[in-house]
Amino acid sequence: MKKIKIKVNGKVKTVLNNSKLSDLLNNLNIPLKKVAIELNQEIIDKKRTINIKLKKDDKIEIVHFIGGG
């Protein structure tokens, strides 16, 4: 199966060509409730991750929420 390269938080990752954003998050063990996700400089609604296919050279930023005060 063909693979593509994407960037996640500045690091190059290789994923299967037909991968979805939700697949990537599951593989990275990312808890959706505790993060914000940006795809190509656009904030993504977490409900849409299952419908978004990753494309070559996509840039994904995942920001974890940290409590404090």
PDB file of N, CA and C in Angstrom:
ATOM      1  N   MET A   1       0.828  -1.186   0.000  1.00  0.00           N
ATOM      2  CA  MET A   1       0.000   0.000   0.000  1.00  0.00           C
ATOM      3  C   MET A   1       0.880   1.260   0.000  1.00  0.00           C
ATOM      4  N   LYS A   2       0.470   2.265  -0.718  1.00  0.00           N
ATOM      5  CA  LYS A   2       1.238   3.498  -0.855  1.00  0.00           C
ATOM      6  C   LYS A   2       1.218   4.298   0.450  1.00  0.00           C
ATOM      7  N   LYS A   3       2.353   4.935   0.751  1.00  0.00           N
ATOM      8  CA  LYS A   3       2.454   5.756   1.950  1.00  0.00           C
ATOM      9  C   LYS A   3       2.743   7.197   1.562  1.00  0.00           C
ATOM     10  N   ILE A   4       2.339   8.108   2.448  1.00  0.00           N
ATOM     11  CA  ILE A   4       2.587   9.530   2.229  1.00  0.00           C
ATOM     12  C   ILE A   4       3.278  10.099   3.465  1.00  0.00           C
ATOM     13  N   LYS A   5       3.930  11.241   3.286  1.00  0.00           N
ATOM     14  CA  LYS A   5       4.589  11.913   4.402  1.00  0.00           C
ATOM     15  C   LYS A   5       3.781  13.138   4.811  1.00  0.00           C
ATOM     16  N   ILE A   6       3.600  13.276   6.118  1.00  0.00           N
ATOM     17  CA  ILE A   6       2.925  14.432   6.691  1.00  0.00           C
ATOM     18  C   ILE A   6       3.806  14.966   7.812  1.00  0.00           C
ATOM     19  N   LYS A   7       3.480  16.133   8.330  1.00  0.00           N
ATOM     20  CA  LYS A   7       4.203  16.669   9.486  1.00  0.00           C
ATOM     21  C   LYS A   7       3.248  16.766  10.654  1.00  0.00           C
ATOM     22  N   VAL A   8       3.679  16.247  11.805  1.00  0.00           N
ATOM     23  CA  VAL A   8       2.900  16.327  13.032  1.00  0.00           C
ATOM     24  C   VAL A   8       3.757  17.038  14.069  1.00  0.00           C
ATOM     25  N   ASN A   9       3.315  18.211  14.494  1.00  0.00           N
ATOM     26  CA  ASN A   9       4.066  19.038  15.451  1.00  0.00           C
ATOM     27  C   ASN A   9       5.520  19.207  15.007  1.00  0.00           C
ATOM     28  N   GLY A  10       5.706  19.432  13.703  1.00  0.00           N
ATOM     29  CA  GLY A  10       7.035  19.713  13.162  1.00  0.00           C
ATOM     30  C   GLY A  10       7.870  18.493  12.813  1.00  0.00           C
ATOM     31  N   LYS A  11       7.389  17.285  13.114  1.00  0.00           N
ATOM     32  CA  LYS A  11       8.146  16.067  12.820  1.00  0.00           C
ATOM     33  C   LYS A  11       7.492  15.319  11.670  1.00  0.00           C
ATOM     34  N   VAL A  12       8.328  14.822  10.749  1.00  0.00           N
ATOM     35  CA  VAL A  12       7.815  14.085   9.591  1.00  0.00           C
ATOM     36  C   VAL A  12       7.351  12.706  10.041  1.00  0.00           C
ATOM     37  N   LYS A  13       6.151  12.334   9.605  1.00  0.00           N
ATOM     38  CA  LYS A  13       5.596  11.003   9.873  1.00  0.00           C
ATOM     39  C   LYS A  13       5.159  10.420   8.542  1.00  0.00           C
ATOM     40  N   THR A  14       5.230   9.105   8.441  1.00  0.00           N
ATOM     41  CA  THR A  14       4.761   8.393   7.258  1.00  0.00           C
ATOM     42  C   THR A  14       3.492   7.641   7.630  1.00  0.00           C
ATOM     43  N   VAL A  15       2.447   7.838   6.835  1.00  0.00           N
ATOM     44  CA  VAL A  15       1.165   7.166   7.074  1.00  0.00           C
ATOM     45  C   VAL A  15       0.674   6.554   5.768  1.00  0.00           C
ATOM     46  N   LEU A  16      -0.270   5.624   5.877  1.00  0.00           N
ATOM     47  CA  LEU A  16      -0.865   5.040   4.676  1.00  0.00           C
ATOM     48  C   LEU A  16      -1.628   6.108   3.904  1.00  0.00           C
ATOM     49  N   ASN A  17      -1.635   5.992   2.593  1.00  0.00           N
ATOM     50  CA  ASN A  17      -2.226   6.982   1.705  1.00  0.00           C
ATOM     51  C   ASN A  17      -3.692   7.280   2.011  1.00  0.00           C
ATOM     52  N   ASN A  18      -4.454   6.287   2.461  1.00  0.00           N
ATOM     53  CA  ASN A  18      -5.883   6.507   2.688  1.00  0.00           C
ATOM     54  C   ASN A  18      -6.212   6.731   4.172  1.00  0.00           C
ATOM     55  N   SER A  19      -5.214   7.099   4.973  1.00  0.00           N
ATOM     56  CA  SER A  19      -5.438   7.316   6.409  1.00  0.00           C
ATOM     57  C   SER A  19      -6.315   8.536   6.654  1.00  0.00           C
ATOM     58  N   LYS A  20      -7.073   8.454   7.735  1.00  0.00           N
ATOM     59  CA  LYS A  20      -7.893   9.582   8.163  1.00  0.00           C
ATOM     60  C   LYS A  20      -7.254  10.206   9.389  1.00  0.00           C
ATOM     61  N   LEU A  21      -7.627  11.442   9.661  1.00  0.00           N
ATOM     62  CA  LEU A  21      -7.088  12.145  10.815  1.00  0.00           C
ATOM     63  C   LEU A  21      -7.381  11.365  12.098  1.00  0.00           C
ATOM     64  N   SER A  22      -8.552  10.763  12.200  1.00  0.00           N
ATOM     65  CA  SER A  22      -8.902   9.975  13.391  1.00  0.00           C
ATOM     66  C   SER A  22      -7.961   8.777  13.566  1.00  0.00           C
ATOM     67  N   ASP A  23      -7.536   8.151  12.451  1.00  0.00           N
ATOM     68  CA  ASP A  23      -6.589   7.026  12.521  1.00  0.00           C
ATOM     69  C   ASP A  23      -5.266   7.480  13.121  1.00  0.00           C
ATOM     70  N   LEU A  24      -4.785   8.630  12.666  1.00  0.00           N
ATOM     71  CA  LEU A  24      -3.528   9.167  13.173  1.00  0.00           C
ATOM     72  C   LEU A  24      -3.625   9.430  14.673  1.00  0.00           C
ATOM     73  N   LEU A  25      -4.699  10.062  15.102  1.00  0.00           N
ATOM     74  CA  LEU A  25      -4.867  10.382  16.520  1.00  0.00           C
ATOM     75  C   LEU A  25      -4.936   9.116  17.363  1.00  0.00           C
ATOM     76  N   ASN A  26      -5.619   8.086  16.862  1.00  0.00           N
ATOM     77  CA  ASN A  26      -5.681   6.809  17.582  1.00  0.00           C
ATOM     78  C   ASN A  26      -4.303   6.170  17.679  1.00  0.00           C
ATOM     79  N   ASN A  27      -3.551   6.174  16.586  1.00  0.00           N
ATOM     80  CA  ASN A  27      -2.210   5.577  16.581  1.00  0.00           C
ATOM     81  C   ASN A  27      -1.254   6.295  17.532  1.00  0.00           C
ATOM     82  N   LEU A  28      -1.457   7.587  17.706  1.00  0.00           N
ATOM     83  CA  LEU A  28      -0.605   8.376  18.605  1.00  0.00           C
ATOM     84  C   LEU A  28      -1.138   8.397  20.039  1.00  0.00           C
ATOM     85  N   ASN A  29      -2.253   7.686  20.281  1.00  0.00           N
ATOM     86  CA  ASN A  29      -2.886   7.654  21.611  1.00  0.00           C
ATOM     87  C   ASN A  29      -3.213   9.054  22.123  1.00  0.00           C
ATOM     88  N   ILE A  30      -3.782   9.870  21.253  1.00  0.00           N
ATOM     89  CA  ILE A  30      -4.140  11.252  21.604  1.00  0.00           C
ATOM     90  C   ILE A  30      -5.579  11.272  22.127  1.00  0.00           C
ATOM     91  N   PRO A  31      -5.796  11.708  23.380  1.00  0.00           N
ATOM     92  CA  PRO A  31      -7.165  11.818  23.898  1.00  0.00           C
ATOM     93  C   PRO A  31      -7.838  13.075  23.347  1.00  0.00           C
ATOM     94  N   LEU A  32      -8.878  12.902  22.553  1.00  0.00           N
ATOM     95  CA  LEU A  32      -9.526  14.033  21.877  1.00  0.00           C
ATOM     96  C   LEU A  32     -10.014  15.112  22.841  1.00  0.00           C
ATOM     97  N   LYS A  33     -10.432  14.717  24.025  1.00  0.00           N
ATOM     98  CA  LYS A  33     -10.994  15.690  24.969  1.00  0.00           C
ATOM     99  C   LYS A  33      -9.959  16.672  25.493  1.00  0.00           C
ATOM    100  N   LYS A  34      -8.685  16.336  25.376  1.00  0.00           N
ATOM    101  CA  LYS A  34      -7.646  17.159  26.001  1.00  0.00           C
ATOM    102  C   LYS A  34      -6.739  17.863  24.997  1.00  0.00           C
ATOM    103  N   VAL A  35      -7.162  17.960  23.742  1.00  0.00           N
ATOM    104  CA  VAL A  35      -6.314  18.582  22.728  1.00  0.00           C
ATOM    105  C   VAL A  35      -7.113  19.500  21.801  1.00  0.00           C
ATOM    106  N   ALA A  36      -6.372  20.380  21.140  1.00  0.00           N
ATOM    107  CA  ALA A  36      -6.902  21.147  20.007  1.00  0.00           C
ATOM    108  C   ALA A  36      -6.089  20.687  18.793  1.00  0.00           C
ATOM    109  N   ILE A  37      -6.755  20.593  17.650  1.00  0.00           N
ATOM    110  CA  ILE A  37      -6.101  20.072  16.447  1.00  0.00           C
ATOM    111  C   ILE A  37      -6.181  21.104  15.328  1.00  0.00           C
ATOM    112  N   GLU A  38      -5.038  21.343  14.717  1.00  0.00           N
ATOM    113  CA  GLU A  38      -4.961  22.269  13.596  1.00  0.00           C
ATOM    114  C   GLU A  38      -4.429  21.496  12.397  1.00  0.00           C
ATOM    115  N   LEU A  39      -5.111  21.611  11.269  1.00  0.00           N
ATOM    116  CA  LEU A  39      -4.686  20.971  10.031  1.00  0.00           C
ATOM    117  C   LEU A  39      -4.473  22.062   8.996  1.00  0.00           C
ATOM    118  N   ASN A  40      -3.220  22.190   8.541  1.00  0.00           N
ATOM    119  CA  ASN A  40      -2.867  23.213   7.555  1.00  0.00           C
ATOM    120  C   ASN A  40      -3.371  24.594   7.989  1.00  0.00           C
ATOM    121  N   GLN A  41      -3.088  24.942   9.220  1.00  0.00           N
ATOM    122  CA  GLN A  41      -3.396  26.252   9.818  1.00  0.00           C
ATOM    123  C   GLN A  41      -4.887  26.519   9.983  1.00  0.00           C
ATOM    124  N   GLU A  42      -5.695  25.455  10.051  1.00  0.00           N
ATOM    125  CA  GLU A  42      -7.132  25.599  10.269  1.00  0.00           C
ATOM    126  C   GLU A  42      -7.533  24.713  11.449  1.00  0.00           C
ATOM    127  N   ILE A  43      -8.191  25.308  12.443  1.00  0.00           N
ATOM    128  CA  ILE A  43      -8.654  24.538  13.600  1.00  0.00           C
ATOM    129  C   ILE A  43      -9.719  23.549  13.134  1.00  0.00           C
ATOM    130  N   ILE A  44      -9.597  22.309  13.583  1.00  0.00           N
ATOM    131  CA  ILE A  44     -10.499  21.244  13.152  1.00  0.00           C
ATOM    132  C   ILE A  44     -11.487  20.911  14.271  1.00  0.00           C
ATOM    133  N   ASP A  45     -12.757  20.811  13.900  1.00  0.00           N
ATOM    134  CA  ASP A  45     -13.782  20.333  14.824  1.00  0.00           C
ATOM    135  C   ASP A  45     -13.514  18.841  15.054  1.00  0.00           C
ATOM    136  N   LYS A  46     -13.355  18.446  16.303  1.00  0.00           N
ATOM    137  CA  LYS A  46     -12.981  17.067  16.614  1.00  0.00           C
ATOM    138  C   LYS A  46     -13.991  16.049  16.093  1.00  0.00           C
ATOM    139  N   LYS A  47     -15.240  16.442  15.910  1.00  0.00           N
ATOM    140  CA  LYS A  47     -16.252  15.529  15.377  1.00  0.00           C
ATOM    141  C   LYS A  47     -15.974  15.187  13.912  1.00  0.00           C
ATOM    142  N   ARG A  48     -15.199  16.026  13.238  1.00  0.00           N
ATOM    143  CA  ARG A  48     -14.922  15.820  11.804  1.00  0.00           C
ATOM    144  C   ARG A  48     -13.697  14.936  11.536  1.00  0.00           C
ATOM    145  N   THR A  49     -12.919  14.587  12.574  1.00  0.00           N
ATOM    146  CA  THR A  49     -11.656  13.874  12.339  1.00  0.00           C
ATOM    147  C   THR A  49     -11.857  12.550  11.602  1.00  0.00           C
ATOM    148  N   ILE A  50     -13.001  11.915  11.807  1.00  0.00           N
ATOM    149  CA  ILE A  50     -13.263  10.621  11.153  1.00  0.00           C
ATOM    150  C   ILE A  50     -13.516  10.789   9.654  1.00  0.00           C
ATOM    151  N   ASN A  51     -13.853  12.000   9.220  1.00  0.00           N
ATOM    152  CA  ASN A  51     -14.169  12.251   7.801  1.00  0.00           C
ATOM    153  C   ASN A  51     -13.022  12.897   7.026  1.00  0.00           C
ATOM    154  N   ILE A  52     -11.941  13.262   7.698  1.00  0.00           N
ATOM    155  CA  ILE A  52     -10.856  13.995   7.033  1.00  0.00           C
ATOM    156  C   ILE A  52      -9.750  13.035   6.611  1.00  0.00           C
ATOM    157  N   LYS A  53      -9.556  12.917   5.287  1.00  0.00           N
ATOM    158  CA  LYS A  53      -8.464  12.095   4.761  1.00  0.00           C
ATOM    159  C   LYS A  53      -7.181  12.920   4.755  1.00  0.00           C
ATOM    160  N   LEU A  54      -6.104  12.286   5.201  1.00  0.00           N
ATOM    161  CA  LEU A  54      -4.811  12.962   5.191  1.00  0.00           C
ATOM    162  C   LEU A  54      -4.244  12.958   3.782  1.00  0.00           C
ATOM    163  N   LYS A  55      -3.574  14.056   3.430  1.00  0.00           N
ATOM    164  CA  LYS A  55      -2.973  14.194   2.112  1.00  0.00           C
ATOM    165  C   LYS A  55      -1.473  14.447   2.263  1.00  0.00           C
ATOM    166  N   LYS A  56      -0.741  14.164   1.226  1.00  0.00           N
ATOM    167  CA  LYS A  56       0.701  14.388   1.219  1.00  0.00           C
ATOM    168  C   LYS A  56       1.013  15.825   1.648  1.00  0.00           C
ATOM    169  N   ASP A  57       2.005  15.952   2.522  1.00  0.00           N
ATOM    170  CA  ASP A  57       2.506  17.248   3.001  1.00  0.00           C
ATOM    171  C   ASP A  57       1.535  18.002   3.904  1.00  0.00           C
ATOM    172  N   ASP A  58       0.472  17.334   4.409  1.00  0.00           N
ATOM    173  CA  ASP A  58      -0.382  17.985   5.404  1.00  0.00           C
ATOM    174  C   ASP A  58       0.462  18.348   6.621  1.00  0.00           C
ATOM    175  N   LYS A  59       0.114  19.463   7.245  1.00  0.00           N
ATOM    176  CA  LYS A  59       0.801  19.900   8.463  1.00  0.00           C
ATOM    177  C   LYS A  59      -0.224  19.915   9.594  1.00  0.00           C
ATOM    178  N   ILE A  60       0.032  19.086  10.598  1.00  0.00           N
ATOM    179  CA  ILE A  60      -0.891  18.937  11.713  1.00  0.00           C
ATOM    180  C   ILE A  60      -0.197  19.401  12.984  1.00  0.00           C
ATOM    181  N   GLU A  61      -0.891  20.237  13.735  1.00  0.00           N
ATOM    182  CA  GLU A  61      -0.402  20.671  15.039  1.00  0.00           C
ATOM    183  C   GLU A  61      -1.407  20.188  16.075  1.00  0.00           C
ATOM    184  N   ILE A  62      -0.901  19.519  17.098  1.00  0.00           N
ATOM    185  CA  ILE A  62      -1.755  19.022  18.171  1.00  0.00           C
ATOM    186  C   ILE A  62      -1.292  19.691  19.458  1.00  0.00           C
ATOM    187  N   VAL A  63      -2.208  20.426  20.075  1.00  0.00           N
ATOM    188  CA  VAL A  63      -1.874  21.167  21.294  1.00  0.00           C
ATOM    189  C   VAL A  63      -2.623  20.551  22.451  1.00  0.00           C
ATOM    190  N   HIS A  64      -1.884  20.170  23.496  1.00  0.00           N
ATOM    191  CA  HIS A  64      -2.493  19.583  24.700  1.00  0.00           C
ATOM    192  C   HIS A  64      -2.879  20.686  25.665  1.00  0.00           C
ATOM    193  N   PHE A  65      -4.069  20.538  26.274  1.00  0.00           N
ATOM    194  CA  PHE A  65      -4.514  21.480  27.299  1.00  0.00           C
ATOM    195  C   PHE A  65      -3.877  21.100  28.623  1.00  0.00           C
ATOM    196  N   ILE A  66      -3.374  22.098  29.334  1.00  0.00           N
ATOM    197  CA  ILE A  66      -2.778  21.873  30.648  1.00  0.00           C
ATOM    198  C   ILE A  66      -3.455  22.797  31.629  1.00  0.00           C
ATOM    199  N   GLY A  67      -3.940  22.219  32.727  1.00  0.00           N
ATOM    200  CA  GLY A  67      -4.606  23.020  33.755  1.00  0.00           C
ATOM    201  C   GLY A  67      -3.589  23.758  34.610  1.00  0.00           C
ATOM    202  N   GLY A  68      -4.068  24.763  35.271  1.00  0.00           N
ATOM    203  CA  GLY A  68      -3.187  25.528  36.143  1.00  0.00           C
ATOM    204  C   GLY A  68      -3.784  26.885  36.411  1.00  0.00           C
ATOM    205  N   GLY A  69      -3.022  27.692  37.099  1.00  0.00           N
ATOM    206  CA  GLY A  69      -3.603  28.993  37.353  1.00  0.00           C
ATOM    207  C   GLY A  69      -2.711  29.933  38.074  1.00  0.00           C
TER     208      GLY A  69
END
